Every structure is written in C-alpha cells, then in structure tokens.
Amino acid sequence: MVIKKRSNCSISGQSLVEFAFVLPILLLLLVAIIDFSILYYSQMAVLNAAWEGARAGATILDPSRGDLEIIGAVHQAAYGLDLSQLVIDIDPSEDEPPRSLAFPAPRGEALTITIQYKVELSFPRISFPVTGRAVSRMEYQNP
C-alpha cells in the first residue's frame, strides 16, 4: 500500500490569496494612522504657537514693533510647520486702540492671537483647516 503525502502547496497558495486581500486594508489603516498623527501634531503646534505669540504680546519690549515681535514668536514656536501657510490674526493690532493709546494703555487689556493652518493629508488628497487661539492680558505700558 502506497500512502501519498498531501502537499502543502494548496495551503500556501491559500495564505497568499488571503494576504493579498488583507494587505490593502492594512496599508490603508497605516496611512490613516500616519495622517491622523500629522493632523494631531499640526493642531498641537498651532496651539502652542498661538500661546507663545500671546505671551510675547503680553510683554512687548518695543510697542512700536509689537506685531513684529508677536509674529516672530509665532514663527519660532511653529516648529515643523510650513510658515508660508500660517495665517496670523492679532486683535487688536498695534495701530488699533487700546494698543495705540498713550500711557498707561494698554495695560490690563485683552490680546487675542488666532492662527490658522491648512494640513494636507496624503490619502485622500484633502486639506483640513487647523485653528489655534490664545488670549492673554497685556502687561506693558506705552511710553
């Protein structure tokens, strides 16, 4: 009596077909995780940059160049982001009251920094707007 061994060829072929079905799903899941991580990092970086801008605006050294100090602090804190994509809104700006008023203004008034940034996702090719806002109280006085 001759006993034939069953070959493992059909089992390995089945595994290959199953892997071919599962691979696109795994790759899509991997890309989604990476995109979500980029979106989360961008949100945290924009929020941190807004807080740094508000902190710099609260303690301005030269009131005539206050907006430039705020923008510089935002750019320095926005590590890893495309600075050309940042939209920075400073309210009130340096030529608006109370920042444009004489001594003792603007001490004690609110300063709001709002930053908007567009995050481009890799799959699907869409962009999400990310916004960060920070409010601080101005501590400096105009000369």
Protein backbone atom coordinates (compact mmCIF):
# COMPACT_ATOMS: atom_id res chain seq x y z
CA MET A 1 0.00 0.00 0.00
CA VAL A 2 1.32 3.37 -1.01
CA ILE A 3 0.46 6.36 1.14
CA LYS A 4 0.62 9.67 -0.62
CA LYS A 5 1.61 12.71 1.33
CA ARG A 6 -0.56 15.70 0.84
CA SER A 7 1.40 18.64 -0.47
CA ASN A 8 1.39 21.99 1.31
CA CYS A 9 1.25 23.82 -1.99
CA SER A 10 -2.51 24.48 -1.82
CA ILE A 11 -2.26 25.73 1.77
CA SER A 12 0.50 28.21 0.97
CA GLY A 13 -1.46 29.38 -2.08
CA GLN A 14 -4.49 29.98 0.12
CA SER A 15 -2.36 32.02 2.54
CA LEU A 16 -1.05 34.11 -0.34
CA VAL A 17 -4.58 34.87 -1.56
CA GLU A 18 -5.72 35.80 1.95
CA PHE A 19 -2.69 38.05 2.38
CA ALA A 20 -3.47 39.72 -0.97
CA PHE A 21 -6.97 40.51 0.31
CA VAL A 22 -5.82 41.85 3.69
CA LEU A 23 -2.76 43.85 2.53
CA PRO A 24 -4.66 46.83 1.02
CA ILE A 25 -6.74 47.16 4.18
CA LEU A 26 -3.62 47.11 6.36
CA LEU A 27 -1.89 49.70 4.17
CA LEU A 28 -4.96 51.95 4.24
CA LEU A 29 -5.08 51.66 8.02
CA LEU A 30 -1.38 52.53 8.25
CA VAL A 31 -1.80 55.62 6.05
CA ALA A 32 -4.83 56.71 8.12
CA ILE A 33 -2.82 56.43 11.35
CA ILE A 34 0.03 58.48 9.87
CA ASP A 35 -2.37 61.15 8.56
CA PHE A 36 -4.14 61.38 11.92
CA SER A 37 -0.77 61.76 13.64
CA ILE A 38 0.22 64.59 11.29
CA LEU A 39 -3.13 66.30 11.88
CA TYR A 40 -2.78 65.96 15.66
CA TYR A 41 0.81 67.26 15.63
CA SER A 42 -0.22 70.24 13.49
CA GLN A 43 -3.06 71.09 15.89
CA MET A 44 -0.72 70.99 18.89
CA ALA A 45 1.97 73.02 17.10
CA VAL A 46 -0.53 75.71 16.03
CA LEU A 47 -2.00 75.93 19.54
CA ASN A 48 1.48 76.20 21.07
CA ALA A 49 2.46 78.89 18.56
CA ALA A 50 -0.68 80.88 19.44
CA TRP A 51 0.16 80.70 23.14
CA GLU A 52 3.75 81.77 22.52
CA GLY A 53 2.52 84.70 20.41
CA ALA A 54 0.08 85.74 23.15
CA ARG A 55 2.84 85.52 25.76
CA ALA A 56 5.16 87.63 23.60
CA GLY A 57 2.34 90.13 23.02
CA ALA A 58 1.69 90.46 26.73
CA THR A 59 5.27 91.51 27.44
CA ILE A 60 6.23 93.51 24.36
CA LEU A 61 9.60 95.25 24.64
CA ASP A 62 9.10 97.85 21.88
CA PRO A 63 5.43 98.89 21.45
CA SER A 64 6.11 100.42 18.01
CA ARG A 65 7.24 96.99 16.72
CA GLY A 66 4.84 94.87 18.78
CA ASP A 67 3.23 92.97 15.91
CA LEU A 68 6.65 92.00 14.55
CA GLU A 69 7.64 90.63 17.98
CA ILE A 70 4.43 88.58 18.12
CA ILE A 71 4.86 87.23 14.58
CA GLY A 72 8.50 86.38 15.31
CA ALA A 73 7.49 84.44 18.44
CA VAL A 74 4.79 82.57 16.49
CA HIS A 75 7.22 81.63 13.72
CA GLN A 76 9.81 80.46 16.23
CA ALA A 77 7.25 78.29 18.06
CA ALA A 78 5.71 76.79 14.89
CA TYR A 79 8.43 74.19 14.55
CA GLY A 80 7.79 71.65 11.79
CA LEU A 81 5.07 73.68 10.06
CA ASP A 82 5.22 75.46 6.71
CA LEU A 83 5.45 79.10 7.79
CA SER A 84 4.07 80.33 4.46
CA GLN A 85 0.80 78.51 5.25
CA LEU A 86 0.30 80.22 8.64
CA VAL A 87 -2.36 82.93 8.82
CA ILE A 88 -1.84 85.04 11.96
CA ASP A 89 -4.54 87.38 13.27
CA ILE A 90 -3.61 89.78 16.08
CA ASP A 91 -6.52 91.52 17.79
CA PRO A 92 -6.07 94.41 18.47
CA SER A 93 -3.18 95.21 16.13
CA GLU A 94 -0.53 97.74 17.16
CA ASP A 95 -2.27 100.65 15.40
CA GLU A 96 -5.70 100.00 16.98
CA PRO A 97 -6.89 101.10 20.42
CA PRO A 98 -6.01 100.28 23.18
CA ARG A 99 -2.51 99.45 21.88
CA SER A 100 -2.25 102.79 20.06
CA LEU A 101 -3.30 104.89 23.06
CA ALA A 102 -0.89 106.82 25.30
CA PHE A 103 0.29 105.87 28.79
CA PRO A 104 -0.96 103.84 30.77
CA ALA A 105 -2.70 101.97 27.94
CA PRO A 106 -2.86 99.10 27.03
CA ARG A 107 -2.02 97.56 30.43
CA GLY A 108 -4.73 95.11 31.52
CA GLU A 109 -6.47 94.86 28.14
CA ALA A 110 -7.00 91.55 26.33
CA LEU A 111 -4.84 90.47 23.39
CA THR A 112 -6.09 87.64 21.16
CA ILE A 113 -3.86 85.68 18.79
CA THR A 114 -5.60 83.43 16.25
CA ILE A 115 -3.61 81.20 13.93
CA GLN A 116 -4.99 79.20 11.01
CA TYR A 117 -3.11 76.50 9.15
CA LYS A 118 -4.08 74.07 6.39
CA VAL A 119 -2.94 70.47 6.77
CA GLU A 120 -2.65 68.45 3.56
CA LEU A 121 -3.46 64.77 4.05
CA SER A 122 -1.84 62.16 1.84
CA PHE A 123 -4.86 59.90 1.31
CA PRO A 124 -7.37 61.08 0.32
CA ARG A 125 -5.87 64.31 -1.04
CA ILE A 126 -7.85 66.75 1.07
CA SER A 127 -6.85 69.55 3.41
CA PHE A 128 -8.11 70.24 6.90
CA PRO A 129 -8.04 73.71 8.47
CA VAL A 130 -6.46 73.77 11.92
CA THR A 131 -7.06 76.74 14.21
CA GLY A 132 -5.36 77.79 17.43
CA ARG A 133 -6.45 80.72 19.60
CA ALA A 134 -4.91 82.20 22.73
CA VAL A 135 -5.93 85.18 24.83
CA SER A 136 -3.64 86.99 27.25
CA ARG A 137 -3.68 90.22 29.24
CA MET A 138 -1.22 92.90 28.14
CA GLU A 139 1.27 93.78 30.88
CA TYR A 140 3.26 96.53 29.20
CA GLN A 141 2.55 100.27 29.06
CA ASN A 142 3.10 102.65 26.19
CA PRO A 143 5.71 105.35 26.84
